[in-house]
Amino acid sequence: MNNALIVVLNWNGISDTLACLDSLLSQSYKHAHTLVVDNGSIDNSKLLLDEYQSQHKDMLDVVYNPANFGFAGGVNTGIEWALNEEYEYVALFNNDARADKKWLESLVDAIRPKEIGIATGLLLHSDGKTIDSTGDWLSKWGLAFPRNRGDKASKAPEAGLVFGASGGASLYKTELLRDIGLFDEDFFAYYEDADISFRAQLAGWKVAYNPKAIAYHEQGGTTKKIPGFAVYQTFKNLPMLFLKDVPAGLLLPIGVRFYPSYWLILGNAIVHGNGLPAIKGAVMSWILGFKKLGERRHIQAAKRVSTGYIKSILWNDLPPDQTGLRKLFRKQK
């Protein structure tokens, strides 16, 4: 069995991708191979990737998708490669990030215990001074968010279990992926990593965080190229996450918080000039919601943990960045 495949997704970002690959090909962990999935780029990516691959034939492969399948569809191409080649682990790494030399080695150390299905690390912003994430939380308001975002790097928490992992710099057991399935391509981008982490937790797997697995990320380096993209995906995907994954016993207590919050955030987006992508996303969430209800039955039927356990690993408050919602709900009390 092969050990670890690192999957890097490229979409019209070849300069970032080549710098990213330089950091991955110099990892201290040597039982790994890197795969670039080009997601239908229309720049000069193919020319430069072919040239780069010719210089690193033993360490790197490249596959070309015919179109942009989004983050979820793109990484699924790489995951399917890992499954077919019988890799033990598959790492996902954003092309606008750089890995510390011991990044992968530290993630492998964290994921080795039998119950651990996903391992994530200390993802810093590109200047190294503040934290992008140390994994993900899901709040009891049904809102997913990155753990410790904006905190000083010196305040990074110690190793331990977390709710979820960022798809931008994490390691997954292929045993887990065979068990619960791949990323949900209807998400396209945003919250697809929260969804797969939630499904892993429901199936009895754990997610580990290791602060020794350090990487540096230019937050939004890819998606900021498309105006309104993040807004559309957010309003499309958050309801799908709720519909698919929240256990029956938590639908009411989370739902009575989630839906008022969702519509208030939508109203705020409209007020601040993001109404069109926000409304489009909300409409699409309802269209896709009927499909997710069907998927929900399968996911919940396969649940191996108690609803009480899921409740115990949720964040008790609103996400830290939801200051407006916090002020509003305090006034209503």
C-alpha atoms as a PDB file:
ATOM      1  CA  MET A   1       0.000   0.000   0.000  1.00  0.00           C
ATOM      2  CA  ASN A   2       1.238   3.478  -0.813  1.00  0.00           C
ATOM      3  CA  ASN A   3       1.374   5.958   2.043  1.00  0.00           C
ATOM      4  CA  ALA A   4       0.297   9.567   1.356  1.00  0.00           C
ATOM      5  CA  LEU A   5      -0.871  11.452  -1.707  1.00  0.00           C
ATOM      6  CA  ILE A   6      -0.862  15.260  -1.505  1.00  0.00           C
ATOM      7  CA  VAL A   7      -3.519  16.804  -3.749  1.00  0.00           C
ATOM      8  CA  VAL A   8      -3.126  20.410  -4.921  1.00  0.00           C
ATOM      9  CA  LEU A   9      -5.892  22.066  -6.928  1.00  0.00           C
ATOM     10  CA  ASN A  10      -4.931  24.629  -9.566  1.00  0.00           C
ATOM     11  CA  TRP A  11      -7.315  27.001 -11.339  1.00  0.00           C
ATOM     12  CA  ASN A  12      -5.699  29.858 -13.234  1.00  0.00           C
ATOM     13  CA  GLY A  13      -3.211  30.344 -10.404  1.00  0.00           C
ATOM     14  CA  ILE A  14      -0.034  28.813 -11.726  1.00  0.00           C
ATOM     15  CA  SER A  15       2.411  31.230 -10.058  1.00  0.00           C
ATOM     16  CA  ASP A  16       0.928  30.403  -6.639  1.00  0.00           C
ATOM     17  CA  THR A  17       0.827  26.710  -7.473  1.00  0.00           C
ATOM     18  CA  LEU A  18       4.495  26.451  -8.416  1.00  0.00           C
ATOM     19  CA  ALA A  19       5.590  28.165  -5.199  1.00  0.00           C
ATOM     20  CA  CYS A  20       3.249  25.865  -3.264  1.00  0.00           C
ATOM     21  CA  LEU A  21       4.747  22.786  -4.947  1.00  0.00           C
ATOM     22  CA  ASP A  22       8.261  23.873  -4.037  1.00  0.00           C
ATOM     23  CA  SER A  23       7.258  23.700  -0.357  1.00  0.00           C
ATOM     24  CA  LEU A  24       5.533  20.319  -0.733  1.00  0.00           C
ATOM     25  CA  LEU A  25       8.323  18.608  -2.640  1.00  0.00           C
ATOM     26  CA  SER A  26      10.797  19.502   0.113  1.00  0.00           C
ATOM     27  CA  GLN A  27       8.798  17.893   2.933  1.00  0.00           C
ATOM     28  CA  SER A  28      10.672  15.925   5.601  1.00  0.00           C
ATOM     29  CA  TYR A  29       8.148  13.096   5.222  1.00  0.00           C
ATOM     30  CA  LYS A  30       9.382  11.004   2.311  1.00  0.00           C
ATOM     31  CA  HIS A  31       6.602   8.418   1.883  1.00  0.00           C
ATOM     32  CA  ALA A  32       4.484  10.792  -0.174  1.00  0.00           C
ATOM     33  CA  HIS A  33       3.680  11.706  -3.744  1.00  0.00           C
ATOM     34  CA  THR A  34       2.109  14.937  -5.015  1.00  0.00           C
ATOM     35  CA  LEU A  35      -0.714  15.238  -7.522  1.00  0.00           C
ATOM     36  CA  VAL A  36      -1.769  18.514  -9.119  1.00  0.00           C
ATOM     37  CA  VAL A  37      -5.364  18.593 -10.334  1.00  0.00           C
ATOM     38  CA  ASP A  38      -5.817  21.367 -12.877  1.00  0.00           C
ATOM     39  CA  ASN A  39      -9.453  22.440 -12.788  1.00  0.00           C
ATOM     40  CA  GLY A  40      -9.962  23.610 -16.363  1.00  0.00           C
ATOM     41  CA  SER A  41      -7.490  26.518 -16.299  1.00  0.00           C
ATOM     42  CA  ILE A  42      -7.430  28.837 -19.303  1.00  0.00           C
ATOM     43  CA  ASP A  43      -4.142  30.593 -18.530  1.00  0.00           C
ATOM     44  CA  ASN A  44      -0.698  29.143 -19.240  1.00  0.00           C
ATOM     45  CA  SER A  45      -1.012  26.570 -16.447  1.00  0.00           C
ATOM     46  CA  LYS A  46      -0.672  23.486 -18.658  1.00  0.00           C
ATOM     47  CA  LEU A  47       2.545  24.675 -20.281  1.00  0.00           C
ATOM     48  CA  LEU A  48       4.200  25.510 -16.963  1.00  0.00           C
ATOM     49  CA  LEU A  49       2.871  22.454 -15.129  1.00  0.00           C
ATOM     50  CA  ASP A  50       4.158  20.132 -17.848  1.00  0.00           C
ATOM     51  CA  GLU A  51       7.553  21.799 -17.615  1.00  0.00           C
ATOM     52  CA  TYR A  52       7.595  21.576 -13.809  1.00  0.00           C
ATOM     53  CA  GLN A  53       6.530  17.933 -13.868  1.00  0.00           C
ATOM     54  CA  SER A  54       9.318  17.049 -16.292  1.00  0.00           C
ATOM     55  CA  GLN A  55      11.771  18.292 -13.674  1.00  0.00           C
ATOM     56  CA  HIS A  56      10.190  16.277 -10.823  1.00  0.00           C
ATOM     57  CA  LYS A  57       8.934  13.109 -12.535  1.00  0.00           C
ATOM     58  CA  ASP A  58       9.413  10.810  -9.556  1.00  0.00           C
ATOM     59  CA  MET A  59       7.620  13.102  -7.099  1.00  0.00           C
ATOM     60  CA  LEU A  60       4.795  14.677  -9.064  1.00  0.00           C
ATOM     61  CA  ASP A  61       1.903  13.867 -11.385  1.00  0.00           C
ATOM     62  CA  VAL A  62      -0.625  16.186 -13.030  1.00  0.00           C
ATOM     63  CA  VAL A  63      -4.183  15.489 -14.181  1.00  0.00           C
ATOM     64  CA  TYR A  64      -6.329  17.893 -16.179  1.00  0.00           C
ATOM     65  CA  ASN A  65     -10.051  18.250 -15.588  1.00  0.00           C
ATOM     66  CA  PRO A  66     -11.961  19.455 -18.680  1.00  0.00           C
ATOM     67  CA  ALA A  67     -13.765  22.196 -16.701  1.00  0.00           C
ATOM     68  CA  ASN A  68     -13.830  23.907 -13.331  1.00  0.00           C
ATOM     69  CA  PHE A  69     -15.479  21.375 -11.006  1.00  0.00           C
ATOM     70  CA  GLY A  70     -15.042  23.592  -7.953  1.00  0.00           C
ATOM     71  CA  PHE A  71     -13.002  22.736  -4.893  1.00  0.00           C
ATOM     72  CA  ALA A  72     -15.117  19.702  -4.019  1.00  0.00           C
ATOM     73  CA  GLY A  73     -15.144  18.229  -7.519  1.00  0.00           C
ATOM     74  CA  GLY A  74     -11.501  19.038  -8.114  1.00  0.00           C
ATOM     75  CA  VAL A  75     -10.197  17.404  -4.954  1.00  0.00           C
ATOM     76  CA  ASN A  76     -12.479  14.417  -5.547  1.00  0.00           C
ATOM     77  CA  THR A  77     -10.507  13.815  -8.742  1.00  0.00           C
ATOM     78  CA  GLY A  78      -7.386  13.548  -6.602  1.00  0.00           C
ATOM     79  CA  ILE A  79      -9.072  11.464  -3.917  1.00  0.00           C
ATOM     80  CA  GLU A  80     -10.273   8.963  -6.513  1.00  0.00           C
ATOM     81  CA  TRP A  81      -6.674   8.705  -7.740  1.00  0.00           C
ATOM     82  CA  ALA A  82      -5.564   7.986  -4.153  1.00  0.00           C
ATOM     83  CA  LEU A  83      -8.242   5.333  -3.694  1.00  0.00           C
ATOM     84  CA  ASN A  84      -7.415   3.628  -6.991  1.00  0.00           C
ATOM     85  CA  GLU A  85      -3.700   3.582  -6.170  1.00  0.00           C
ATOM     86  CA  GLU A  86      -4.407   2.341  -2.615  1.00  0.00           C
ATOM     87  CA  TYR A  87      -2.854   5.199  -0.713  1.00  0.00           C
ATOM     88  CA  GLU A  88      -3.281   5.097   3.053  1.00  0.00           C
ATOM     89  CA  TYR A  89      -3.701   8.856   3.377  1.00  0.00           C
ATOM     90  CA  VAL A  90      -4.675  11.743   1.146  1.00  0.00           C
ATOM     91  CA  ALA A  91      -3.660  15.306   2.032  1.00  0.00           C
ATOM     92  CA  LEU A  92      -5.406  18.354   0.591  1.00  0.00           C
ATOM     93  CA  PHE A  93      -3.438  21.565   0.270  1.00  0.00           C
ATOM     94  CA  ASN A  94      -4.471  24.950  -1.122  1.00  0.00           C
ATOM     95  CA  ASN A  95      -2.344  26.218  -3.982  1.00  0.00           C
ATOM     96  CA  ASP A  96      -2.156  29.668  -2.331  1.00  0.00           C
ATOM     97  CA  ALA A  97      -0.511  28.193   0.756  1.00  0.00           C
ATOM     98  CA  ARG A  98       3.023  27.163   1.702  1.00  0.00           C
ATOM     99  CA  ALA A  99       3.914  24.216   3.923  1.00  0.00           C
ATOM    100  CA  ASP A 100       6.493  24.130   6.687  1.00  0.00           C
ATOM    101  CA  LYS A 101       9.049  21.383   6.116  1.00  0.00           C
ATOM    102  CA  LYS A 102       7.503  19.106   8.780  1.00  0.00           C
ATOM    103  CA  TRP A 103       3.861  19.845   7.920  1.00  0.00           C
ATOM    104  CA  LEU A 104       2.989  16.411   6.512  1.00  0.00           C
ATOM    105  CA  GLU A 105       5.150  14.500   8.968  1.00  0.00           C
ATOM    106  CA  SER A 106       3.299  16.156  11.857  1.00  0.00           C
ATOM    107  CA  LEU A 107      -0.119  15.391  10.361  1.00  0.00           C
ATOM    108  CA  VAL A 108       0.793  11.727   9.901  1.00  0.00           C
ATOM    109  CA  ASP A 109       1.830  11.605  13.577  1.00  0.00           C
ATOM    110  CA  ALA A 110      -1.570  13.012  14.559  1.00  0.00           C
ATOM    111  CA  ILE A 111      -3.699  10.733  12.361  1.00  0.00           C
ATOM    112  CA  ARG A 112      -2.124   7.386  13.319  1.00  0.00           C
ATOM    113  CA  PRO A 113      -4.526   6.448  16.177  1.00  0.00           C
ATOM    114  CA  LYS A 114      -7.280   4.132  14.979  1.00  0.00           C
ATOM    115  CA  GLU A 115     -10.173   6.463  15.811  1.00  0.00           C
ATOM    116  CA  ILE A 116      -8.683   9.500  14.054  1.00  0.00           C
ATOM    117  CA  GLY A 117      -9.960   9.938  10.497  1.00  0.00           C
ATOM    118  CA  ILE A 118      -8.795  13.496   9.801  1.00  0.00           C
ATOM    119  CA  ALA A 119      -5.815  15.517  11.013  1.00  0.00           C
ATOM    120  CA  THR A 120      -5.342  19.254  10.697  1.00  0.00           C
ATOM    121  CA  GLY A 121      -2.693  21.707  11.786  1.00  0.00           C
ATOM    122  CA  LEU A 122      -1.808  25.305  12.516  1.00  0.00           C
ATOM    123  CA  LEU A 123      -2.722  27.276   9.403  1.00  0.00           C
ATOM    124  CA  LEU A 124      -1.290  30.786   9.688  1.00  0.00           C
ATOM    125  CA  HIS A 125      -1.888  33.806   7.528  1.00  0.00           C
ATOM    126  CA  SER A 126       0.857  34.430   4.995  1.00  0.00           C
ATOM    127  CA  ASP A 127       2.778  36.830   7.261  1.00  0.00           C
ATOM    128  CA  GLY A 128       2.938  34.194  10.003  1.00  0.00           C
ATOM    129  CA  LYS A 129       1.729  36.624  12.683  1.00  0.00           C
ATOM    130  CA  THR A 130      -1.922  35.613  12.996  1.00  0.00           C
ATOM    131  CA  ILE A 131      -3.949  32.411  12.703  1.00  0.00           C
ATOM    132  CA  ASP A 132      -6.124  31.482   9.741  1.00  0.00           C
ATOM    133  CA  SER A 133      -7.434  28.347  11.450  1.00  0.00           C
ATOM    134  CA  THR A 134      -6.643  25.556  13.883  1.00  0.00           C
ATOM    135  CA  GLY A 135      -9.484  23.425  12.588  1.00  0.00           C
ATOM    136  CA  ASP A 136     -13.192  24.238  12.375  1.00  0.00           C
ATOM    137  CA  TRP A 137     -16.040  24.672  14.821  1.00  0.00           C
ATOM    138  CA  LEU A 138     -19.760  24.238  14.270  1.00  0.00           C
ATOM    139  CA  SER A 139     -21.805  26.422  16.600  1.00  0.00           C
ATOM    140  CA  LYS A 140     -25.133  25.549  18.186  1.00  0.00           C
ATOM    141  CA  TRP A 141     -26.503  28.200  15.855  1.00  0.00           C
ATOM    142  CA  GLY A 142     -25.710  25.945  12.868  1.00  0.00           C
ATOM    143  CA  LEU A 143     -22.915  28.207  11.616  1.00  0.00           C
ATOM    144  CA  ALA A 144     -19.508  26.731  10.796  1.00  0.00           C
ATOM    145  CA  PHE A 145     -16.389  28.846  11.259  1.00  0.00           C
ATOM    146  CA  PRO A 146     -12.576  28.539  11.524  1.00  0.00           C
ATOM    147  CA  ARG A 147     -11.188  28.018  15.010  1.00  0.00           C
ATOM    148  CA  ASN A 148      -8.912  30.780  16.387  1.00  0.00           C
ATOM    149  CA  ARG A 149      -9.066  32.913  13.235  1.00  0.00           C
ATOM    150  CA  GLY A 150      -7.364  36.251  13.811  1.00  0.00           C
ATOM    151  CA  ASP A 151      -5.666  35.219  17.060  1.00  0.00           C
ATOM    152  CA  LYS A 152      -1.943  35.813  17.429  1.00  0.00           C
ATOM    153  CA  ALA A 153       0.196  32.885  16.300  1.00  0.00           C
ATOM    154  CA  SER A 154       1.801  32.794  19.745  1.00  0.00           C
ATOM    155  CA  LYS A 155      -1.645  32.007  21.226  1.00  0.00           C
ATOM    156  CA  ALA A 156      -2.173  28.841  19.171  1.00  0.00           C
ATOM    157  CA  PRO A 157      -3.802  26.096  21.268  1.00  0.00           C
ATOM    158  CA  GLU A 158      -2.142  22.835  22.203  1.00  0.00           C
ATOM    159  CA  ALA A 159      -2.805  19.588  20.345  1.00  0.00           C
ATOM    160  CA  GLY A 160      -6.202  17.960  20.805  1.00  0.00           C
ATOM    161  CA  LEU A 161      -9.486  16.939  19.215  1.00  0.00           C
ATOM    162  CA  VAL A 162     -11.553  19.434  17.209  1.00  0.00           C
ATOM    163  CA  PHE A 163     -14.910  19.369  15.450  1.00  0.00           C
ATOM    164  CA  GLY A 164     -13.600  19.704  11.905  1.00  0.00           C
ATOM    165  CA  ALA A 165     -10.661  20.402   9.628  1.00  0.00           C
ATOM    166  CA  SER A 166      -9.943  22.961   6.940  1.00  0.00           C
ATOM    167  CA  GLY A 167      -9.900  21.363   3.502  1.00  0.00           C
ATOM    168  CA  GLY A 168      -7.077  23.723   2.606  1.00  0.00           C
ATOM    169  CA  ALA A 169      -4.375  21.977   4.629  1.00  0.00           C
ATOM    170  CA  SER A 170      -5.463  18.674   6.184  1.00  0.00           C
ATOM    171  CA  LEU A 171      -4.887  14.925   5.997  1.00  0.00           C
ATOM    172  CA  TYR A 172      -7.577  12.252   5.550  1.00  0.00           C
ATOM    173  CA  LYS A 173      -7.443   8.489   5.945  1.00  0.00           C
ATOM    174  CA  THR A 174      -8.630   6.782   2.786  1.00  0.00           C
ATOM    175  CA  GLU A 175     -10.350   4.278   5.102  1.00  0.00           C
ATOM    176  CA  LEU A 176     -12.531   7.155   6.283  1.00  0.00           C
ATOM    177  CA  LEU A 177     -13.317   8.260   2.734  1.00  0.00           C
ATOM    178  CA  ARG A 178     -14.288   4.719   1.734  1.00  0.00           C
ATOM    179  CA  ASP A 179     -16.568   4.660   4.787  1.00  0.00           C
ATOM    180  CA  ILE A 180     -18.426   7.986   4.480  1.00  0.00           C
ATOM    181  CA  GLY A 181     -17.880   8.981   0.863  1.00  0.00           C
ATOM    182  CA  LEU A 182     -16.060  11.844  -0.822  1.00  0.00           C
ATOM    183  CA  PHE A 183     -16.672  15.593  -0.762  1.00  0.00           C
ATOM    184  CA  ASP A 184     -20.175  16.716  -1.717  1.00  0.00           C
ATOM    185  CA  GLU A 185     -19.798  18.332  -5.138  1.00  0.00           C
ATOM    186  CA  ASP A 186     -23.046  20.278  -4.787  1.00  0.00           C
ATOM    187  CA  PHE A 187     -21.187  22.507  -2.320  1.00  0.00           C
ATOM    188  CA  PHE A 188     -18.671  23.378  -5.091  1.00  0.00           C
ATOM    189  CA  ALA A 189     -16.658  25.528  -2.658  1.00  0.00           C
ATOM    190  CA  TYR A 190     -17.094  26.706   0.955  1.00  0.00           C
ATOM    191  CA  TYR A 191     -18.296  24.494   3.831  1.00  0.00           C
ATOM    192  CA  GLU A 192     -17.639  21.275   1.922  1.00  0.00           C
ATOM    193  CA  ASP A 193     -14.913  20.610   4.501  1.00  0.00           C
ATOM    194  CA  ALA A 194     -17.345  21.269   7.377  1.00  0.00           C
ATOM    195  CA  ASP A 195     -19.771  18.818   5.762  1.00  0.00           C
ATOM    196  CA  ILE A 196     -17.248  15.998   5.450  1.00  0.00           C
ATOM    197  CA  SER A 197     -16.002  16.623   9.008  1.00  0.00           C
ATOM    198  CA  PHE A 198     -19.603  16.506  10.290  1.00  0.00           C
ATOM    199  CA  ARG A 199     -20.235  13.254   8.414  1.00  0.00           C
ATOM    200  CA  ALA A 200     -17.023  11.816   9.876  1.00  0.00           C
ATOM    201  CA  GLN A 201     -18.117  12.729  13.406  1.00  0.00           C
ATOM    202  CA  LEU A 202     -21.553  11.183  12.858  1.00  0.00           C
ATOM    203  CA  ALA A 203     -19.891   7.967  11.689  1.00  0.00           C
ATOM    204  CA  GLY A 204     -17.788   7.762  14.857  1.00  0.00           C
ATOM    205  CA  TRP A 205     -14.485   9.128  13.569  1.00  0.00           C
ATOM    206  CA  LYS A 206     -12.484  11.836  15.341  1.00  0.00           C
ATOM    207  CA  VAL A 207     -10.617  14.897  14.026  1.00  0.00           C
ATOM    208  CA  ALA A 208      -7.200  15.723  15.523  1.00  0.00           C
ATOM    209  CA  TYR A 209      -5.329  19.029  15.573  1.00  0.00           C
ATOM    210  CA  ASN A 210      -1.520  19.189  15.774  1.00  0.00           C
ATOM    211  CA  PRO A 211       0.067  22.661  16.099  1.00  0.00           C
ATOM    212  CA  LYS A 212       3.381  21.278  14.814  1.00  0.00           C
ATOM    213  CA  ALA A 213       1.816  20.912  11.355  1.00  0.00           C
ATOM    214  CA  ILE A 214       2.365  24.514  10.244  1.00  0.00           C
ATOM    215  CA  ALA A 215       1.370  26.073   6.925  1.00  0.00           C
ATOM    216  CA  TYR A 216       0.957  29.637   5.672  1.00  0.00           C
ATOM    217  CA  HIS A 217      -2.093  30.739   3.703  1.00  0.00           C
ATOM    218  CA  GLU A 218      -3.023  33.763   1.638  1.00  0.00           C
ATOM    219  CA  GLN A 219      -6.668  33.796   2.726  1.00  0.00           C
ATOM    220  CA  GLY A 220      -9.054  33.947  -0.247  1.00  0.00           C
ATOM    221  CA  GLY A 221      -6.186  34.042  -2.714  1.00  0.00           C
ATOM    222  CA  THR A 222      -8.202  32.116  -5.304  1.00  0.00           C
ATOM    223  CA  THR A 223     -11.862  32.933  -4.698  1.00  0.00           C
ATOM    224  CA  LYS A 224     -11.361  36.689  -4.377  1.00  0.00           C
ATOM    225  CA  LYS A 225     -10.755  36.722  -8.128  1.00  0.00           C
ATOM    226  CA  ILE A 226     -14.516  36.248  -8.678  1.00  0.00           C
ATOM    227  CA  PRO A 227     -16.771  39.043  -7.335  1.00  0.00           C
ATOM    228  CA  GLY A 228     -19.703  37.716  -5.316  1.00  0.00           C
ATOM    229  CA  PHE A 229     -18.478  34.129  -5.428  1.00  0.00           C
ATOM    230  CA  ALA A 230     -17.964  33.679  -1.688  1.00  0.00           C
ATOM    231  CA  VAL A 231     -21.308  35.343  -0.896  1.00  0.00           C
ATOM    232  CA  TYR A 232     -23.210  33.093  -3.315  1.00  0.00           C
ATOM    233  CA  GLN A 233     -21.558  29.911  -2.051  1.00  0.00           C
ATOM    234  CA  THR A 234     -22.095  30.836   1.595  1.00  0.00           C
ATOM    235  CA  PHE A 235     -25.844  31.362   1.234  1.00  0.00           C
ATOM    236  CA  LYS A 236     -26.188  28.260  -0.944  1.00  0.00           C
ATOM    237  CA  ASN A 237     -24.202  25.936   1.278  1.00  0.00           C
ATOM    238  CA  LEU A 238     -25.040  26.757   4.896  1.00  0.00           C
ATOM    239  CA  PRO A 239     -28.640  25.451   4.674  1.00  0.00           C
ATOM    240  CA  MET A 240     -27.407  22.284   2.932  1.00  0.00           C
ATOM    241  CA  LEU A 241     -24.994  21.646   5.807  1.00  0.00           C
ATOM    242  CA  PHE A 242     -27.875  21.987   8.278  1.00  0.00           C
ATOM    243  CA  LEU A 243     -30.301  19.816   6.282  1.00  0.00           C
ATOM    244  CA  LYS A 244     -27.858  16.976   5.658  1.00  0.00           C
ATOM    245  CA  ASP A 245     -25.995  16.595   8.886  1.00  0.00           C
ATOM    246  CA  VAL A 246     -27.777  17.903  11.987  1.00  0.00           C
ATOM    247  CA  PRO A 247     -29.219  14.897  13.894  1.00  0.00           C
ATOM    248  CA  ALA A 248     -32.978  14.736  14.433  1.00  0.00           C
ATOM    249  CA  GLY A 249     -32.695  15.507  18.135  1.00  0.00           C
ATOM    250  CA  LEU A 250     -30.914  18.785  17.384  1.00  0.00           C
ATOM    251  CA  LEU A 251     -32.976  19.981  14.416  1.00  0.00           C
ATOM    252  CA  LEU A 252     -35.300  22.099  16.557  1.00  0.00           C
ATOM    253  CA  PRO A 253     -32.814  23.659  19.030  1.00  0.00           C
ATOM    254  CA  ILE A 254     -30.325  24.457  16.257  1.00  0.00           C
ATOM    255  CA  GLY A 255     -32.977  25.300  13.656  1.00  0.00           C
ATOM    256  CA  VAL A 256     -34.681  27.978  15.783  1.00  0.00           C
ATOM    257  CA  ARG A 257     -31.310  29.722  15.975  1.00  0.00           C
ATOM    258  CA  PHE A 258     -30.016  28.967  12.504  1.00  0.00           C
ATOM    259  CA  TYR A 259     -32.840  30.163  10.284  1.00  0.00           C
ATOM    260  CA  PRO A 260     -33.405  33.578  11.945  1.00  0.00           C
ATOM    261  CA  SER A 261     -29.643  34.116  11.879  1.00  0.00           C
ATOM    262  CA  TYR A 262     -29.421  33.060   8.239  1.00  0.00           C
ATOM    263  CA  TRP A 263     -32.125  35.487   7.114  1.00  0.00           C
ATOM    264  CA  LEU A 264     -30.648  38.317   9.182  1.00  0.00           C
ATOM    265  CA  ILE A 265     -27.229  37.729   7.607  1.00  0.00           C
ATOM    266  CA  LEU A 266     -28.936  37.667   4.207  1.00  0.00           C
ATOM    267  CA  GLY A 267     -30.564  41.014   4.938  1.00  0.00           C
ATOM    268  CA  ASN A 268     -27.210  42.435   5.951  1.00  0.00           C
ATOM    269  CA  ALA A 269     -25.707  41.243   2.661  1.00  0.00           C
ATOM    270  CA  ILE A 270     -28.456  43.011   0.731  1.00  0.00           C
ATOM    271  CA  VAL A 271     -27.947  46.249   2.681  1.00  0.00           C
ATOM    272  CA  HIS A 272     -24.218  46.156   1.946  1.00  0.00           C
ATOM    273  CA  GLY A 273     -24.558  45.665  -1.800  1.00  0.00           C
ATOM    274  CA  ASN A 274     -24.229  41.883  -2.042  1.00  0.00           C
ATOM    275  CA  GLY A 275     -27.934  41.230  -2.500  1.00  0.00           C
ATOM    276  CA  LEU A 276     -27.867  39.582  -5.929  1.00  0.00           C
ATOM    277  CA  PRO A 277     -25.343  36.791  -5.177  1.00  0.00           C
ATOM    278  CA  ALA A 278     -26.833  36.307  -1.707  1.00  0.00           C
ATOM    279  CA  ILE A 279     -30.388  35.897  -3.015  1.00  0.00           C
ATOM    280  CA  LYS A 280     -29.215  33.610  -5.829  1.00  0.00           C
ATOM    281  CA  GLY A 281     -27.424  31.470  -3.262  1.00  0.00           C
ATOM    282  CA  ALA A 282     -30.487  31.309  -1.015  1.00  0.00           C
ATOM    283  CA  VAL A 283     -32.719  30.269  -3.925  1.00  0.00           C
ATOM    284  CA  MET A 284     -30.263  27.576  -5.008  1.00  0.00           C
ATOM    285  CA  SER A 285     -30.111  26.250  -1.444  1.00  0.00           C
ATOM    286  CA  TRP A 286     -33.840  25.565  -1.575  1.00  0.00           C
ATOM    287  CA  ILE A 287     -33.559  23.887  -4.965  1.00  0.00           C
ATOM    288  CA  LEU A 288     -30.748  21.627  -3.762  1.00  0.00           C
ATOM    289  CA  GLY A 289     -32.390  21.148  -0.376  1.00  0.00           C
ATOM    290  CA  PHE A 290     -34.812  18.517  -1.705  1.00  0.00           C
ATOM    291  CA  LYS A 291     -31.840  16.460  -2.894  1.00  0.00           C
ATOM    292  CA  LYS A 292     -30.103  16.880   0.462  1.00  0.00           C
ATOM    293  CA  LEU A 293     -33.141  15.573   2.317  1.00  0.00           C
ATOM    294  CA  GLY A 294     -32.714  12.306   0.429  1.00  0.00           C
ATOM    295  CA  GLU A 295     -29.017  12.183   1.278  1.00  0.00           C
ATOM    296  CA  ARG A 296     -29.836  13.014   4.886  1.00  0.00           C
ATOM    297  CA  ARG A 297     -31.728   9.743   5.340  1.00  0.00           C
ATOM    298  CA  HIS A 298     -28.649   7.729   4.404  1.00  0.00           C
ATOM    299  CA  ILE A 299     -26.267   9.804   6.552  1.00  0.00           C
ATOM    300  CA  GLN A 300     -28.449   9.712   9.660  1.00  0.00           C
ATOM    301  CA  ALA A 301     -29.219   6.016   9.264  1.00  0.00           C
ATOM    302  CA  ALA A 302     -25.477   5.322   9.329  1.00  0.00           C
ATOM    303  CA  LYS A 303     -24.900   7.418  12.488  1.00  0.00           C
ATOM    304  CA  ARG A 304     -22.754   5.558  15.048  1.00  0.00           C
ATOM    305  CA  VAL A 305     -22.628   8.126  17.847  1.00  0.00           C
ATOM    306  CA  SER A 306     -25.278   9.570  20.135  1.00  0.00           C
ATOM    307  CA  THR A 307     -26.943  12.894  19.518  1.00  0.00           C
ATOM    308  CA  GLY A 308     -25.686  13.873  22.972  1.00  0.00           C
ATOM    309  CA  TYR A 309     -22.109  13.379  21.805  1.00  0.00           C
ATOM    310  CA  ILE A 310     -22.643  15.608  18.776  1.00  0.00           C
ATOM    311  CA  LYS A 311     -24.173  18.271  21.016  1.00  0.00           C
ATOM    312  CA  SER A 312     -21.155  18.067  23.331  1.00  0.00           C
ATOM    313  CA  ILE A 313     -18.652  18.926  20.570  1.00  0.00           C
ATOM    314  CA  LEU A 314     -20.498  21.996  19.263  1.00  0.00           C
ATOM    315  CA  TRP A 315     -19.454  25.582  19.978  1.00  0.00           C
ATOM    316  CA  ASN A 316     -21.849  27.040  22.546  1.00  0.00           C
ATOM    317  CA  ASP A 317     -21.987  30.609  21.223  1.00  0.00           C
ATOM    318  CA  LEU A 318     -22.319  32.485  17.954  1.00  0.00           C
ATOM    319  CA  PRO A 319     -19.152  32.565  15.825  1.00  0.00           C
ATOM    320  CA  PRO A 320     -16.782  35.284  17.092  1.00  0.00           C
ATOM    321  CA  ASP A 321     -17.113  37.349  13.900  1.00  0.00           C
ATOM    322  CA  GLN A 322     -20.917  37.580  14.171  1.00  0.00           C
ATOM    323  CA  THR A 323     -20.819  40.722  16.297  1.00  0.00           C
ATOM    324  CA  GLY A 324     -23.942  42.186  14.697  1.00  0.00           C
ATOM    325  CA  LEU A 325     -26.054  39.121  15.472  1.00  0.00           C
ATOM    326  CA  ARG A 326     -24.721  39.031  19.021  1.00  0.00           C
ATOM    327  CA  LYS A 327     -25.724  42.651  19.660  1.00  0.00           C
ATOM    328  CA  LEU A 328     -29.153  42.128  18.088  1.00  0.00           C
ATOM    329  CA  PHE A 329     -30.033  39.019  20.091  1.00  0.00           C
ATOM    330  CA  ARG A 330     -28.807  40.598  23.324  1.00  0.00           C
ATOM    331  CA  LYS A 331     -31.198  43.514  22.753  1.00  0.00           C
ATOM    332  CA  GLN A 332     -34.085  41.082  22.312  1.00  0.00           C
ATOM    333  CA  LYS A 333     -33.430  39.310  25.603  1.00  0.00           C
END
